[in-house]
Amino acid sequence: MVVGVLKLRFRLFGVASLKEKRKVVKGIIGRIQTHFQAAAAETDLNDLHQSAEVGVTIVGNDARLINSRLDKIVDAVEAWGLAVITESEMEIIHL
């Protein structure tokens, strides 16, 4: 079994409240889950309204395929333009 883990940190512009942040972050998470069949959740920076962290994971049996899918998620999130990625970290774990 191979587990791919992706951590994305975002800078949110034009967001003045936690309610507005939640709307943007839920939109990003929803799109990731819908388009890539990956598990995603907000994992940190919950109390900062202009920053967010989202964790994404994919499980499978082919490390190259999982790596490719995680790369595509990063590219798609950038293309959506909902937030600016300030940091991304990826890890492939073989169990």
N, C-alpha and C. Protein backbone atom coordinates (compact mmCIF):
# COMPACT_ATOMS: atom_id res chain seq x y z
N MET A 1 0.85 -1.17 0.00
CA MET A 1 0.00 0.00 0.00
C MET A 1 0.90 1.23 0.00
N VAL A 2 0.49 2.24 -0.78
CA VAL A 2 1.21 3.50 -0.88
C VAL A 2 0.26 4.62 -0.51
N VAL A 3 0.72 5.52 0.36
CA VAL A 3 -0.07 6.66 0.79
C VAL A 3 0.65 7.93 0.36
N GLY A 4 -0.05 8.79 -0.34
CA GLY A 4 0.50 10.08 -0.73
C GLY A 4 -0.13 11.17 0.13
N VAL A 5 0.70 12.01 0.72
CA VAL A 5 0.22 13.08 1.59
C VAL A 5 0.72 14.40 1.04
N LEU A 6 -0.16 15.38 0.97
CA LEU A 6 0.17 16.70 0.45
C LEU A 6 -0.31 17.75 1.44
N LYS A 7 0.58 18.67 1.80
CA LYS A 7 0.20 19.79 2.66
C LYS A 7 0.33 21.07 1.84
N LEU A 8 -0.74 21.82 1.78
CA LEU A 8 -0.75 23.09 1.05
C LEU A 8 -1.05 24.23 2.01
N ARG A 9 -0.22 25.26 1.97
CA ARG A 9 -0.49 26.48 2.74
C ARG A 9 -0.84 27.58 1.76
N PHE A 10 -1.86 28.35 2.12
CA PHE A 10 -2.39 29.38 1.24
C PHE A 10 -2.34 30.75 1.88
N ARG A 11 -2.27 31.76 1.02
CA ARG A 11 -2.50 33.14 1.41
C ARG A 11 -3.80 33.54 0.72
N LEU A 12 -4.75 34.02 1.49
CA LEU A 12 -6.06 34.41 0.98
C LEU A 12 -6.13 35.93 0.94
N PHE A 13 -6.39 36.49 -0.22
CA PHE A 13 -6.48 37.93 -0.37
C PHE A 13 -7.95 38.35 -0.47
N GLY A 14 -8.26 39.51 0.08
CA GLY A 14 -9.62 40.01 0.03
C GLY A 14 -10.57 39.32 0.99
N VAL A 15 -10.02 38.59 1.96
CA VAL A 15 -10.83 37.90 2.95
C VAL A 15 -10.74 38.68 4.26
N ALA A 16 -11.87 39.14 4.76
CA ALA A 16 -11.88 40.00 5.94
C ALA A 16 -12.42 39.32 7.19
N SER A 17 -12.89 38.08 7.06
CA SER A 17 -13.46 37.40 8.23
C SER A 17 -13.24 35.90 8.11
N LEU A 18 -13.41 35.23 9.23
CA LEU A 18 -13.28 33.77 9.22
C LEU A 18 -14.40 33.12 8.41
N LYS A 19 -15.55 33.77 8.37
CA LYS A 19 -16.67 33.25 7.57
C LYS A 19 -16.32 33.26 6.08
N GLU A 20 -15.71 34.34 5.61
CA GLU A 20 -15.29 34.41 4.21
C GLU A 20 -14.18 33.39 3.92
N LYS A 21 -13.25 33.23 4.87
CA LYS A 21 -12.18 32.25 4.72
C LYS A 21 -12.76 30.85 4.59
N ARG A 22 -13.71 30.54 5.46
CA ARG A 22 -14.32 29.20 5.45
C ARG A 22 -14.94 28.90 4.08
N LYS A 23 -15.58 29.91 3.47
CA LYS A 23 -16.20 29.72 2.17
C LYS A 23 -15.16 29.39 1.10
N VAL A 24 -14.04 30.11 1.11
CA VAL A 24 -12.97 29.86 0.13
C VAL A 24 -12.34 28.49 0.36
N VAL A 25 -12.02 28.17 1.61
CA VAL A 25 -11.36 26.90 1.92
C VAL A 25 -12.28 25.73 1.60
N LYS A 26 -13.55 25.84 1.94
CA LYS A 26 -14.49 24.75 1.62
C LYS A 26 -14.61 24.57 0.11
N GLY A 27 -14.53 25.66 -0.64
CA GLY A 27 -14.56 25.56 -2.10
C GLY A 27 -13.36 24.80 -2.64
N ILE A 28 -12.18 25.10 -2.10
CA ILE A 28 -10.96 24.40 -2.53
C ILE A 28 -11.05 22.92 -2.18
N ILE A 29 -11.45 22.63 -0.94
CA ILE A 29 -11.56 21.23 -0.50
C ILE A 29 -12.58 20.48 -1.33
N GLY A 30 -13.72 21.07 -1.57
CA GLY A 30 -14.77 20.43 -2.36
C GLY A 30 -14.31 20.11 -3.78
N ARG A 31 -13.61 21.04 -4.40
CA ARG A 31 -13.12 20.80 -5.75
C ARG A 31 -12.08 19.69 -5.77
N ILE A 32 -11.19 19.68 -4.79
CA ILE A 32 -10.18 18.60 -4.73
C ILE A 32 -10.86 17.25 -4.59
N GLN A 33 -11.85 17.16 -3.70
CA GLN A 33 -12.54 15.89 -3.48
C GLN A 33 -13.31 15.46 -4.73
N THR A 34 -13.95 16.40 -5.40
CA THR A 34 -14.76 16.08 -6.57
C THR A 34 -13.92 15.71 -7.78
N HIS A 35 -12.90 16.50 -8.08
CA HIS A 35 -12.11 16.30 -9.30
C HIS A 35 -11.06 15.21 -9.18
N PHE A 36 -10.57 14.94 -7.97
CA PHE A 36 -9.45 14.03 -7.82
C PHE A 36 -9.73 12.83 -6.92
N GLN A 37 -10.94 12.68 -6.40
CA GLN A 37 -11.30 11.59 -5.51
C GLN A 37 -10.24 11.40 -4.42
N ALA A 38 -9.87 12.50 -3.80
CA ALA A 38 -8.88 12.50 -2.73
C ALA A 38 -9.53 12.98 -1.44
N ALA A 39 -9.01 12.54 -0.32
CA ALA A 39 -9.47 13.04 0.97
C ALA A 39 -8.76 14.37 1.23
N ALA A 40 -9.52 15.38 1.69
CA ALA A 40 -8.94 16.69 1.95
C ALA A 40 -9.65 17.32 3.14
N ALA A 41 -8.88 18.10 3.92
CA ALA A 41 -9.45 18.79 5.08
C ALA A 41 -8.56 19.97 5.45
N GLU A 42 -9.16 20.97 6.10
CA GLU A 42 -8.38 22.06 6.66
C GLU A 42 -7.66 21.52 7.89
N THR A 43 -6.34 21.69 7.95
CA THR A 43 -5.57 21.04 8.99
C THR A 43 -4.88 21.98 9.98
N ASP A 44 -4.78 23.26 9.66
CA ASP A 44 -4.10 24.19 10.56
C ASP A 44 -4.46 25.62 10.19
N LEU A 45 -3.99 26.56 10.99
CA LEU A 45 -4.20 27.99 10.78
C LEU A 45 -5.69 28.35 10.81
N ASN A 46 -6.44 27.68 11.65
CA ASN A 46 -7.88 27.86 11.70
C ASN A 46 -8.31 29.25 12.14
N ASP A 47 -7.51 29.93 12.96
CA ASP A 47 -7.92 31.21 13.51
C ASP A 47 -7.37 32.41 12.74
N LEU A 48 -6.63 32.17 11.67
CA LEU A 48 -6.11 33.26 10.85
C LEU A 48 -6.97 33.41 9.61
N HIS A 49 -7.51 34.61 9.40
CA HIS A 49 -8.46 34.73 8.30
C HIS A 49 -7.81 34.94 6.93
N GLN A 50 -6.50 35.21 6.85
CA GLN A 50 -5.86 35.37 5.55
C GLN A 50 -4.88 34.25 5.21
N SER A 51 -4.83 33.22 6.05
CA SER A 51 -3.96 32.07 5.79
C SER A 51 -4.74 30.79 6.05
N ALA A 52 -4.37 29.74 5.33
CA ALA A 52 -5.04 28.45 5.52
C ALA A 52 -4.06 27.33 5.20
N GLU A 53 -4.31 26.17 5.79
CA GLU A 53 -3.55 24.96 5.47
C GLU A 53 -4.55 23.85 5.19
N VAL A 54 -4.33 23.17 4.08
CA VAL A 54 -5.19 22.05 3.69
C VAL A 54 -4.31 20.82 3.51
N GLY A 55 -4.75 19.70 4.08
CA GLY A 55 -4.07 18.43 3.91
C GLY A 55 -4.86 17.56 2.93
N VAL A 56 -4.12 16.87 2.06
CA VAL A 56 -4.74 16.01 1.04
C VAL A 56 -4.04 14.66 1.10
N THR A 57 -4.81 13.60 0.95
CA THR A 57 -4.20 12.26 0.92
C THR A 57 -4.87 11.38 -0.14
N ILE A 58 -4.04 10.53 -0.73
CA ILE A 58 -4.50 9.55 -1.72
C ILE A 58 -3.85 8.22 -1.36
N VAL A 59 -4.61 7.15 -1.43
CA VAL A 59 -4.10 5.80 -1.15
C VAL A 59 -4.20 4.97 -2.43
N GLY A 60 -3.17 4.18 -2.69
CA GLY A 60 -3.18 3.32 -3.87
C GLY A 60 -2.05 2.32 -3.79
N ASN A 61 -1.71 1.76 -4.97
CA ASN A 61 -0.64 0.77 -5.00
C ASN A 61 0.50 1.15 -5.94
N ASP A 62 0.42 2.31 -6.58
CA ASP A 62 1.45 2.75 -7.53
C ASP A 62 1.96 4.14 -7.11
N ALA A 63 3.19 4.19 -6.61
CA ALA A 63 3.75 5.45 -6.10
C ALA A 63 3.85 6.51 -7.20
N ARG A 64 4.20 6.11 -8.41
CA ARG A 64 4.31 7.09 -9.50
C ARG A 64 2.96 7.71 -9.83
N LEU A 65 1.91 6.91 -9.83
CA LEU A 65 0.57 7.42 -10.11
C LEU A 65 0.11 8.38 -9.00
N ILE A 66 0.35 8.02 -7.77
CA ILE A 66 -0.04 8.88 -6.65
C ILE A 66 0.74 10.19 -6.70
N ASN A 67 2.03 10.13 -6.96
CA ASN A 67 2.84 11.34 -7.09
C ASN A 67 2.31 12.23 -8.20
N SER A 68 1.97 11.64 -9.33
CA SER A 68 1.43 12.39 -10.46
C SER A 68 0.10 13.06 -10.10
N ARG A 69 -0.77 12.33 -9.41
CA ARG A 69 -2.07 12.90 -9.02
C ARG A 69 -1.90 14.05 -8.04
N LEU A 70 -0.97 13.93 -7.10
CA LEU A 70 -0.73 15.02 -6.16
C LEU A 70 -0.17 16.25 -6.88
N ASP A 71 0.72 16.04 -7.85
CA ASP A 71 1.23 17.15 -8.65
C ASP A 71 0.10 17.84 -9.42
N LYS A 72 -0.81 17.05 -9.95
CA LYS A 72 -1.95 17.61 -10.68
C LYS A 72 -2.86 18.41 -9.76
N ILE A 73 -2.99 17.98 -8.51
CA ILE A 73 -3.79 18.73 -7.54
C ILE A 73 -3.16 20.10 -7.30
N VAL A 74 -1.86 20.15 -7.11
CA VAL A 74 -1.17 21.43 -6.91
C VAL A 74 -1.39 22.34 -8.12
N ASP A 75 -1.21 21.80 -9.31
CA ASP A 75 -1.40 22.60 -10.53
C ASP A 75 -2.83 23.11 -10.66
N ALA A 76 -3.80 22.26 -10.34
CA ALA A 76 -5.21 22.65 -10.46
C ALA A 76 -5.56 23.73 -9.45
N VAL A 77 -5.11 23.58 -8.21
CA VAL A 77 -5.41 24.58 -7.18
C VAL A 77 -4.84 25.93 -7.58
N GLU A 78 -3.63 25.94 -8.13
CA GLU A 78 -3.05 27.20 -8.62
C GLU A 78 -3.89 27.77 -9.75
N ALA A 79 -4.33 26.93 -10.66
CA ALA A 79 -5.10 27.39 -11.81
C ALA A 79 -6.48 27.93 -11.42
N TRP A 80 -7.08 27.39 -10.36
CA TRP A 80 -8.40 27.85 -9.94
C TRP A 80 -8.36 29.31 -9.47
N GLY A 81 -7.23 29.75 -8.95
CA GLY A 81 -7.08 31.14 -8.55
C GLY A 81 -7.87 31.57 -7.32
N LEU A 82 -8.30 30.63 -6.50
CA LEU A 82 -9.06 30.98 -5.30
C LEU A 82 -8.15 31.47 -4.18
N ALA A 83 -6.90 31.04 -4.20
CA ALA A 83 -5.91 31.42 -3.20
C ALA A 83 -4.52 31.21 -3.79
N VAL A 84 -3.54 31.83 -3.17
CA VAL A 84 -2.15 31.68 -3.62
C VAL A 84 -1.45 30.67 -2.73
N ILE A 85 -0.85 29.66 -3.34
CA ILE A 85 -0.09 28.66 -2.59
C ILE A 85 1.24 29.27 -2.17
N THR A 86 1.48 29.32 -0.86
CA THR A 86 2.74 29.86 -0.36
C THR A 86 3.73 28.76 -0.01
N GLU A 87 3.22 27.56 0.23
CA GLU A 87 4.08 26.44 0.59
C GLU A 87 3.37 25.15 0.25
N SER A 88 4.12 24.19 -0.27
CA SER A 88 3.56 22.85 -0.49
C SER A 88 4.61 21.82 -0.10
N GLU A 89 4.14 20.77 0.51
CA GLU A 89 5.02 19.68 0.94
C GLU A 89 4.34 18.37 0.62
N MET A 90 5.08 17.47 -0.01
CA MET A 90 4.51 16.19 -0.42
C MET A 90 5.37 15.05 0.13
N GLU A 91 4.69 13.98 0.51
CA GLU A 91 5.41 12.80 0.98
C GLU A 91 4.68 11.56 0.49
N ILE A 92 5.45 10.61 0.00
CA ILE A 92 4.93 9.31 -0.42
C ILE A 92 5.42 8.27 0.59
N ILE A 93 4.46 7.57 1.19
CA ILE A 93 4.77 6.61 2.25
C ILE A 93 4.42 5.21 1.76
N HIS A 94 5.39 4.29 1.84
CA HIS A 94 5.17 2.89 1.46
C HIS A 94 4.92 2.09 2.75
N LEU A 95 3.75 1.48 2.83
CA LEU A 95 3.42 0.67 4.01
C LEU A 95 3.35 -0.80 3.64
